[in-house]
Amino acid sequence: MLTSSGIREALAGLNLRDATKALAERGVLIPDKEGKFSQSVRPPGQAANVRLYVVAGNILALSTGNE
């Protein structure tokens, strides 16, 4: 999971909207039920929900085409 600042850092130099859309289309980012690229998540130990970008657990397999 990535915070908004984390996703901006990871995608530095790219158009954020276009890059997150492309990652979601490829199954790398898991959108929420409404199609937003970040999800409202309550991390363990946190009292409130925060919006995070959820990355697929099989991201390494996706990058090598072994999925």
N, C-alpha and C. Protein backbone atom coordinates (compact mmCIF):
# COMPACT_ATOMS: atom_id res chain seq x y z
N MET A 1 0.83 -1.17 0.00
CA MET A 1 0.00 0.00 0.00
C MET A 1 0.89 1.24 0.00
N LEU A 2 0.42 2.24 -0.71
CA LEU A 2 1.17 3.49 -0.81
C LEU A 2 0.28 4.67 -0.43
N THR A 3 0.87 5.62 0.26
CA THR A 3 0.18 6.88 0.54
C THR A 3 0.18 7.73 -0.73
N SER A 4 -0.53 8.84 -0.69
CA SER A 4 -0.54 9.72 -1.86
C SER A 4 0.86 10.25 -2.15
N SER A 5 1.62 10.56 -1.12
CA SER A 5 2.99 11.04 -1.36
C SER A 5 3.88 9.91 -1.88
N GLY A 6 3.62 8.70 -1.43
CA GLY A 6 4.39 7.55 -1.91
C GLY A 6 4.15 7.25 -3.37
N ILE A 7 2.90 7.33 -3.81
CA ILE A 7 2.60 7.08 -5.22
C ILE A 7 3.17 8.18 -6.09
N ARG A 8 3.13 9.43 -5.60
CA ARG A 8 3.73 10.54 -6.37
C ARG A 8 5.23 10.33 -6.52
N GLU A 9 5.88 9.88 -5.45
CA GLU A 9 7.32 9.63 -5.52
C GLU A 9 7.63 8.47 -6.47
N ALA A 10 6.82 7.41 -6.38
CA ALA A 10 7.05 6.24 -7.24
C ALA A 10 6.84 6.56 -8.71
N LEU A 11 5.94 7.49 -9.00
CA LEU A 11 5.62 7.83 -10.38
C LEU A 11 6.17 9.19 -10.79
N ALA A 12 7.18 9.65 -10.09
CA ALA A 12 7.78 10.96 -10.38
C ALA A 12 8.16 11.06 -11.85
N GLY A 13 7.82 12.19 -12.45
CA GLY A 13 8.14 12.43 -13.84
C GLY A 13 7.05 11.98 -14.80
N LEU A 14 6.03 11.29 -14.28
CA LEU A 14 4.91 10.83 -15.10
C LEU A 14 3.65 11.61 -14.74
N ASN A 15 2.70 11.63 -15.64
CA ASN A 15 1.40 12.21 -15.34
C ASN A 15 0.71 11.25 -14.37
N LEU A 16 0.42 11.71 -13.16
CA LEU A 16 -0.11 10.84 -12.11
C LEU A 16 -1.41 10.17 -12.53
N ARG A 17 -2.33 10.92 -13.07
CA ARG A 17 -3.63 10.37 -13.47
C ARG A 17 -3.47 9.30 -14.55
N ASP A 18 -2.70 9.58 -15.57
CA ASP A 18 -2.50 8.62 -16.66
C ASP A 18 -1.77 7.37 -16.17
N ALA A 19 -0.77 7.56 -15.32
CA ALA A 19 0.02 6.43 -14.83
C ALA A 19 -0.81 5.52 -13.91
N THR A 20 -1.60 6.12 -13.00
CA THR A 20 -2.42 5.28 -12.12
C THR A 20 -3.50 4.57 -12.92
N LYS A 21 -4.04 5.22 -13.93
CA LYS A 21 -5.05 4.57 -14.77
C LYS A 21 -4.44 3.36 -15.50
N ALA A 22 -3.24 3.54 -16.05
CA ALA A 22 -2.57 2.44 -16.75
C ALA A 22 -2.25 1.29 -15.80
N LEU A 23 -1.81 1.61 -14.58
CA LEU A 23 -1.50 0.56 -13.60
C LEU A 23 -2.77 -0.19 -13.18
N ALA A 24 -3.87 0.52 -13.03
CA ALA A 24 -5.14 -0.13 -12.67
C ALA A 24 -5.61 -1.03 -13.82
N GLU A 25 -5.48 -0.57 -15.04
CA GLU A 25 -5.89 -1.38 -16.20
C GLU A 25 -5.09 -2.66 -16.31
N ARG A 26 -3.86 -2.63 -15.85
CA ARG A 26 -2.99 -3.81 -15.91
C ARG A 26 -3.06 -4.68 -14.65
N GLY A 27 -3.91 -4.28 -13.70
CA GLY A 27 -4.10 -5.07 -12.49
C GLY A 27 -3.05 -4.85 -11.42
N VAL A 28 -2.24 -3.82 -11.57
CA VAL A 28 -1.20 -3.54 -10.58
C VAL A 28 -1.78 -2.77 -9.40
N LEU A 29 -2.62 -1.76 -9.69
CA LEU A 29 -3.33 -1.03 -8.64
C LEU A 29 -4.74 -1.58 -8.56
N ILE A 30 -5.22 -1.78 -7.35
CA ILE A 30 -6.56 -2.30 -7.14
C ILE A 30 -7.47 -1.15 -6.73
N PRO A 31 -8.38 -0.73 -7.62
CA PRO A 31 -9.25 0.40 -7.30
C PRO A 31 -10.33 0.01 -6.29
N ASP A 32 -10.99 1.03 -5.72
CA ASP A 32 -12.10 0.75 -4.79
C ASP A 32 -13.35 0.39 -5.59
N LYS A 33 -14.44 0.13 -4.90
CA LYS A 33 -15.68 -0.31 -5.54
C LYS A 33 -16.27 0.75 -6.46
N GLU A 34 -15.91 2.01 -6.24
CA GLU A 34 -16.41 3.11 -7.07
C GLU A 34 -15.48 3.42 -8.24
N GLY A 35 -14.37 2.71 -8.35
CA GLY A 35 -13.43 2.93 -9.43
C GLY A 35 -12.33 3.93 -9.12
N LYS A 36 -12.31 4.47 -7.90
CA LYS A 36 -11.22 5.38 -7.52
C LYS A 36 -9.94 4.57 -7.37
N PHE A 37 -8.82 5.19 -7.72
CA PHE A 37 -7.56 4.46 -7.71
C PHE A 37 -7.03 4.21 -6.30
N SER A 38 -7.47 4.99 -5.33
CA SER A 38 -7.08 4.73 -3.93
C SER A 38 -8.29 4.19 -3.19
N GLN A 39 -8.01 3.49 -2.09
CA GLN A 39 -9.07 2.88 -1.29
C GLN A 39 -9.04 3.43 0.13
N SER A 40 -10.19 3.46 0.76
CA SER A 40 -10.27 3.83 2.16
C SER A 40 -9.98 2.58 2.98
N VAL A 41 -8.87 2.60 3.71
CA VAL A 41 -8.38 1.42 4.44
C VAL A 41 -8.09 1.81 5.88
N ARG A 42 -8.36 0.90 6.81
CA ARG A 42 -7.99 1.13 8.20
C ARG A 42 -6.78 0.23 8.51
N PRO A 43 -5.59 0.80 8.49
CA PRO A 43 -4.39 0.02 8.79
C PRO A 43 -4.41 -0.47 10.25
N PRO A 44 -3.78 -1.60 10.52
CA PRO A 44 -3.72 -2.09 11.90
C PRO A 44 -3.12 -1.04 12.84
N GLY A 45 -3.77 -0.86 13.98
CA GLY A 45 -3.28 0.10 14.96
C GLY A 45 -3.75 1.51 14.73
N GLN A 46 -4.45 1.77 13.64
CA GLN A 46 -4.95 3.11 13.34
C GLN A 46 -6.41 3.21 13.79
N ALA A 47 -6.79 4.35 14.32
CA ALA A 47 -8.17 4.56 14.77
C ALA A 47 -9.10 4.92 13.61
N ALA A 48 -8.57 5.50 12.57
CA ALA A 48 -9.41 5.98 11.48
C ALA A 48 -8.93 5.42 10.14
N ASN A 49 -9.82 5.44 9.17
CA ASN A 49 -9.47 5.03 7.82
C ASN A 49 -8.61 6.11 7.15
N VAL A 50 -7.75 5.67 6.26
CA VAL A 50 -6.95 6.57 5.43
C VAL A 50 -7.06 6.09 3.99
N ARG A 51 -6.85 6.99 3.04
CA ARG A 51 -6.89 6.59 1.64
C ARG A 51 -5.48 6.15 1.22
N LEU A 52 -5.41 4.94 0.69
CA LEU A 52 -4.14 4.37 0.26
C LEU A 52 -4.29 3.76 -1.12
N TYR A 53 -3.21 3.73 -1.86
CA TYR A 53 -3.17 3.04 -3.14
C TYR A 53 -2.79 1.60 -2.85
N VAL A 54 -3.66 0.67 -3.21
CA VAL A 54 -3.43 -0.74 -2.91
C VAL A 54 -2.79 -1.40 -4.14
N VAL A 55 -1.62 -1.97 -3.92
CA VAL A 55 -0.85 -2.60 -4.98
C VAL A 55 -1.09 -4.11 -4.92
N ALA A 56 -1.27 -4.74 -6.07
CA ALA A 56 -1.49 -6.18 -6.14
C ALA A 56 -0.32 -6.92 -5.51
N GLY A 57 -0.64 -7.98 -4.79
CA GLY A 57 0.40 -8.78 -4.13
C GLY A 57 1.30 -9.52 -5.09
N ASN A 58 0.84 -9.73 -6.30
CA ASN A 58 1.63 -10.47 -7.29
C ASN A 58 2.34 -9.53 -8.27
N ILE A 59 2.68 -8.34 -7.80
CA ILE A 59 3.27 -7.33 -8.68
C ILE A 59 4.58 -7.81 -9.33
N LEU A 60 5.38 -8.58 -8.64
CA LEU A 60 6.64 -9.05 -9.23
C LEU A 60 6.38 -10.04 -10.35
N ALA A 61 5.40 -10.91 -10.19
CA ALA A 61 5.06 -11.84 -11.24
C ALA A 61 4.49 -11.10 -12.46
N LEU A 62 3.73 -10.05 -12.20
CA LEU A 62 3.16 -9.27 -13.31
C LEU A 62 4.26 -8.60 -14.12
N SER A 63 5.30 -8.11 -13.44
CA SER A 63 6.35 -7.38 -14.15
C SER A 63 7.20 -8.30 -15.03
N THR A 64 7.22 -9.59 -14.73
CA THR A 64 8.02 -10.51 -15.53
C THR A 64 7.17 -11.32 -16.49
N GLY A 65 5.85 -11.13 -16.42
CA GLY A 65 4.96 -11.87 -17.31
C GLY A 65 4.69 -13.28 -16.85
N ASN A 66 5.00 -13.61 -15.61
CA ASN A 66 4.80 -14.96 -15.09
C ASN A 66 3.46 -15.15 -14.40
N GLU A 67 2.54 -14.25 -14.58
CA GLU A 67 1.23 -14.33 -13.92
C GLU A 67 0.32 -15.29 -14.64
